[in-house]
Amino acid sequence: MHRGAGRGVGRRGWQTGLLVVVLVAALLGAPAPAAARSKTTIPVGSGPNAVAVNPATNKIYVSNQVSNTVTVIDGASNATSTTKVEPR
């Protein structure tokens, strides 16, 4: 059983989502000048715990541990699709 399951998992969800946004921004390249920066919050599944970026396709993959899903983010449009993953 996941250590956080059933106990306060949702309380830190916004912090985890923000972490995903910061990680994606860092992985996509050098930061823009302060005047040109913008933040976009992109919702993903519960308990995001890993991020991978494919620069060739401009896709960002987020593994969501609690919801057993993977969210794919299109880096150009920020559109998302989420796929359920069966645990082993």
N, C-alpha and C. Protein backbone atom coordinates (compact mmCIF):
# COMPACT_ATOMS: atom_id res chain seq x y z
N MET A 1 0.84 -1.18 0.00
CA MET A 1 0.00 0.00 0.00
C MET A 1 0.88 1.24 0.00
N HIS A 2 0.51 2.22 -0.77
CA HIS A 2 1.26 3.47 -0.83
C HIS A 2 1.24 4.15 0.53
N ARG A 3 2.40 4.64 0.99
CA ARG A 3 2.49 5.23 2.32
C ARG A 3 1.50 6.37 2.54
N GLY A 4 1.26 7.19 1.53
CA GLY A 4 0.40 8.34 1.70
C GLY A 4 -1.06 8.06 1.41
N ALA A 5 -1.38 6.84 1.00
CA ALA A 5 -2.75 6.52 0.60
C ALA A 5 -3.71 6.73 1.75
N GLY A 6 -4.73 7.53 1.49
CA GLY A 6 -5.77 7.75 2.48
C GLY A 6 -5.41 8.78 3.53
N ARG A 7 -4.21 9.31 3.51
CA ARG A 7 -3.82 10.28 4.53
C ARG A 7 -3.22 11.52 3.89
N GLY A 8 -4.01 12.53 3.67
CA GLY A 8 -3.49 13.82 3.25
C GLY A 8 -2.87 13.87 1.87
N VAL A 9 -3.15 12.92 1.02
CA VAL A 9 -2.56 12.93 -0.31
C VAL A 9 -2.99 14.17 -1.07
N GLY A 10 -4.26 14.55 -0.95
CA GLY A 10 -4.78 15.70 -1.67
C GLY A 10 -4.31 17.03 -1.15
N ARG A 11 -3.88 17.10 0.10
CA ARG A 11 -3.47 18.37 0.67
C ARG A 11 -2.26 18.97 -0.02
N ARG A 12 -1.38 18.17 -0.54
CA ARG A 12 -0.19 18.69 -1.19
C ARG A 12 -0.25 18.56 -2.70
N GLY A 13 -1.43 18.28 -3.23
CA GLY A 13 -1.56 18.09 -4.67
C GLY A 13 -1.15 19.31 -5.47
N TRP A 14 -1.51 20.52 -5.02
CA TRP A 14 -1.14 21.72 -5.76
C TRP A 14 0.36 21.91 -5.76
N GLN A 15 1.04 21.53 -4.67
CA GLN A 15 2.50 21.67 -4.61
C GLN A 15 3.15 20.70 -5.60
N THR A 16 2.63 19.50 -5.67
CA THR A 16 3.18 18.51 -6.60
C THR A 16 2.95 18.96 -8.03
N GLY A 17 1.76 19.48 -8.32
CA GLY A 17 1.47 20.00 -9.66
C GLY A 17 2.40 21.13 -10.05
N LEU A 18 2.68 22.02 -9.08
CA LEU A 18 3.60 23.11 -9.33
C LEU A 18 5.00 22.57 -9.59
N LEU A 19 5.40 21.55 -8.86
CA LEU A 19 6.70 20.93 -9.07
C LEU A 19 6.80 20.38 -10.49
N VAL A 20 5.74 19.76 -10.98
CA VAL A 20 5.74 19.22 -12.33
C VAL A 20 5.93 20.35 -13.34
N VAL A 21 5.24 21.47 -13.15
CA VAL A 21 5.36 22.61 -14.06
C VAL A 21 6.78 23.15 -14.05
N VAL A 22 7.38 23.28 -12.86
CA VAL A 22 8.74 23.78 -12.75
C VAL A 22 9.72 22.82 -13.41
N LEU A 23 9.56 21.51 -13.19
CA LEU A 23 10.45 20.52 -13.80
C LEU A 23 10.34 20.55 -15.32
N VAL A 24 9.14 20.64 -15.83
CA VAL A 24 8.95 20.67 -17.28
C VAL A 24 9.60 21.92 -17.85
N ALA A 25 9.39 23.06 -17.20
CA ALA A 25 10.00 24.31 -17.68
C ALA A 25 11.52 24.19 -17.69
N ALA A 26 12.08 23.59 -16.66
CA ALA A 26 13.53 23.44 -16.59
C ALA A 26 14.05 22.50 -17.66
N LEU A 27 13.28 21.46 -17.97
CA LEU A 27 13.71 20.47 -18.96
C LEU A 27 13.59 20.97 -20.40
N LEU A 28 12.71 21.93 -20.62
CA LEU A 28 12.47 22.40 -21.98
C LEU A 28 13.47 23.45 -22.44
N GLY A 29 14.32 23.93 -21.59
CA GLY A 29 15.33 24.88 -22.03
C GLY A 29 15.63 25.94 -21.01
N ALA A 30 16.49 26.84 -21.41
CA ALA A 30 16.91 27.93 -20.52
C ALA A 30 15.73 28.85 -20.24
N PRO A 31 15.70 29.43 -19.06
CA PRO A 31 14.59 30.33 -18.72
C PRO A 31 14.61 31.59 -19.58
N ALA A 32 13.44 32.07 -19.89
CA ALA A 32 13.31 33.31 -20.65
C ALA A 32 13.55 34.49 -19.71
N PRO A 33 13.77 35.67 -20.27
CA PRO A 33 13.90 36.85 -19.41
C PRO A 33 12.65 37.01 -18.55
N ALA A 34 12.80 37.63 -17.39
CA ALA A 34 11.70 37.75 -16.43
C ALA A 34 10.45 38.35 -17.06
N ALA A 35 10.60 39.32 -17.93
CA ALA A 35 9.43 39.97 -18.54
C ALA A 35 8.68 39.03 -19.48
N ALA A 36 9.36 38.03 -20.04
CA ALA A 36 8.72 37.13 -21.00
C ALA A 36 8.22 35.84 -20.38
N ARG A 37 8.52 35.61 -19.11
CA ARG A 37 8.10 34.35 -18.46
C ARG A 37 6.61 34.35 -18.17
N SER A 38 6.03 33.18 -18.27
CA SER A 38 4.65 33.00 -17.85
C SER A 38 4.54 31.62 -17.24
N LYS A 39 3.59 31.46 -16.35
CA LYS A 39 3.37 30.17 -15.71
C LYS A 39 2.05 29.61 -16.19
N THR A 40 2.05 28.34 -16.46
CA THR A 40 0.83 27.64 -16.84
C THR A 40 0.73 26.40 -15.97
N THR A 41 -0.38 26.25 -15.30
CA THR A 41 -0.60 25.06 -14.51
C THR A 41 -1.38 24.08 -15.37
N ILE A 42 -0.82 22.88 -15.51
CA ILE A 42 -1.45 21.86 -16.32
C ILE A 42 -1.84 20.71 -15.40
N PRO A 43 -3.13 20.43 -15.29
CA PRO A 43 -3.54 19.35 -14.39
C PRO A 43 -3.10 17.98 -14.90
N VAL A 44 -2.62 17.17 -13.98
CA VAL A 44 -2.24 15.79 -14.27
C VAL A 44 -2.93 14.91 -13.25
N GLY A 45 -2.63 13.63 -13.24
CA GLY A 45 -3.25 12.70 -12.30
C GLY A 45 -2.77 12.90 -10.87
N SER A 46 -3.24 12.06 -9.98
CA SER A 46 -2.90 12.15 -8.56
C SER A 46 -1.52 11.56 -8.28
N GLY A 47 -0.74 12.27 -7.52
CA GLY A 47 0.57 11.78 -7.11
C GLY A 47 1.61 11.75 -8.20
N PRO A 48 1.76 12.84 -8.99
CA PRO A 48 2.79 12.82 -10.01
C PRO A 48 4.16 12.59 -9.38
N ASN A 49 4.94 11.66 -9.94
CA ASN A 49 6.20 11.32 -9.29
C ASN A 49 7.38 11.24 -10.25
N ALA A 50 7.16 11.37 -11.55
CA ALA A 50 8.27 11.35 -12.51
C ALA A 50 7.85 12.10 -13.77
N VAL A 51 8.84 12.74 -14.41
CA VAL A 51 8.60 13.49 -15.63
C VAL A 51 9.65 13.09 -16.65
N ALA A 52 9.23 12.90 -17.90
CA ALA A 52 10.15 12.63 -19.00
C ALA A 52 9.75 13.52 -20.17
N VAL A 53 10.75 14.01 -20.90
CA VAL A 53 10.49 14.89 -22.03
C VAL A 53 11.12 14.29 -23.28
N ASN A 54 10.35 14.28 -24.37
CA ASN A 54 10.87 13.87 -25.67
C ASN A 54 10.97 15.13 -26.53
N PRO A 55 12.17 15.73 -26.62
CA PRO A 55 12.30 16.98 -27.37
C PRO A 55 12.03 16.83 -28.86
N ALA A 56 12.17 15.64 -29.41
CA ALA A 56 11.90 15.43 -30.84
C ALA A 56 10.42 15.56 -31.15
N THR A 57 9.56 15.12 -30.22
CA THR A 57 8.11 15.18 -30.45
C THR A 57 7.44 16.30 -29.66
N ASN A 58 8.21 16.96 -28.78
CA ASN A 58 7.68 18.02 -27.92
C ASN A 58 6.56 17.49 -27.02
N LYS A 59 6.74 16.27 -26.52
CA LYS A 59 5.78 15.65 -25.61
C LYS A 59 6.42 15.51 -24.24
N ILE A 60 5.62 15.74 -23.20
CA ILE A 60 6.05 15.59 -21.81
C ILE A 60 5.21 14.48 -21.21
N TYR A 61 5.87 13.53 -20.56
CA TYR A 61 5.19 12.38 -19.97
C TYR A 61 5.29 12.49 -18.46
N VAL A 62 4.14 12.39 -17.78
CA VAL A 62 4.09 12.49 -16.32
C VAL A 62 3.51 11.20 -15.76
N SER A 63 4.28 10.53 -14.92
CA SER A 63 3.82 9.32 -14.25
C SER A 63 3.09 9.74 -12.98
N ASN A 64 1.87 9.25 -12.80
CA ASN A 64 1.04 9.59 -11.64
C ASN A 64 0.84 8.35 -10.78
N GLN A 65 1.56 8.29 -9.68
CA GLN A 65 1.62 7.07 -8.87
C GLN A 65 0.30 6.74 -8.19
N VAL A 66 -0.37 7.71 -7.61
CA VAL A 66 -1.58 7.42 -6.84
C VAL A 66 -2.74 7.01 -7.74
N SER A 67 -2.89 7.69 -8.89
CA SER A 67 -4.01 7.37 -9.78
C SER A 67 -3.67 6.28 -10.80
N ASN A 68 -2.43 5.76 -10.77
CA ASN A 68 -2.00 4.72 -11.71
C ASN A 68 -2.26 5.13 -13.16
N THR A 69 -1.82 6.35 -13.51
CA THR A 69 -2.01 6.86 -14.86
C THR A 69 -0.72 7.48 -15.36
N VAL A 70 -0.67 7.70 -16.68
CA VAL A 70 0.39 8.47 -17.30
C VAL A 70 -0.30 9.58 -18.08
N THR A 71 0.11 10.82 -17.83
CA THR A 71 -0.43 11.96 -18.55
C THR A 71 0.59 12.40 -19.58
N VAL A 72 0.13 12.57 -20.83
CA VAL A 72 0.99 13.05 -21.91
C VAL A 72 0.56 14.48 -22.21
N ILE A 73 1.54 15.40 -22.18
CA ILE A 73 1.28 16.81 -22.43
C ILE A 73 1.93 17.18 -23.75
N ASP A 74 1.15 17.79 -24.64
CA ASP A 74 1.68 18.32 -25.89
C ASP A 74 2.35 19.65 -25.56
N GLY A 75 3.66 19.74 -25.76
CA GLY A 75 4.40 20.94 -25.39
C GLY A 75 4.03 22.17 -26.19
N ALA A 76 3.47 22.00 -27.38
CA ALA A 76 3.08 23.14 -28.21
C ALA A 76 1.75 23.73 -27.80
N SER A 77 0.80 22.88 -27.46
CA SER A 77 -0.56 23.36 -27.16
C SER A 77 -0.97 23.21 -25.70
N ASN A 78 -0.19 22.48 -24.91
CA ASN A 78 -0.51 22.14 -23.51
C ASN A 78 -1.72 21.23 -23.39
N ALA A 79 -2.16 20.64 -24.50
CA ALA A 79 -3.26 19.68 -24.45
C ALA A 79 -2.76 18.41 -23.74
N THR A 80 -3.66 17.77 -23.02
CA THR A 80 -3.27 16.56 -22.28
C THR A 80 -4.14 15.38 -22.66
N SER A 81 -3.56 14.20 -22.50
CA SER A 81 -4.33 12.96 -22.56
C SER A 81 -3.78 12.07 -21.44
N THR A 82 -4.67 11.36 -20.80
CA THR A 82 -4.28 10.53 -19.67
C THR A 82 -4.70 9.09 -19.94
N THR A 83 -3.77 8.17 -19.66
CA THR A 83 -4.01 6.75 -19.89
C THR A 83 -3.85 5.99 -18.59
N LYS A 84 -4.81 5.14 -18.29
CA LYS A 84 -4.76 4.29 -17.10
C LYS A 84 -3.71 3.22 -17.30
N VAL A 85 -2.93 2.95 -16.24
CA VAL A 85 -1.90 1.92 -16.27
C VAL A 85 -2.24 0.91 -15.20
N GLU A 86 -2.29 -0.35 -15.59
CA GLU A 86 -2.59 -1.41 -14.61
C GLU A 86 -1.34 -1.71 -13.78
N PRO A 87 -1.47 -1.65 -12.45
CA PRO A 87 -0.30 -1.98 -11.61
C PRO A 87 0.08 -3.44 -11.73
N ARG A 88 1.36 -3.72 -11.54
CA ARG A 88 1.83 -5.11 -11.61
C ARG A 88 1.55 -5.83 -10.34
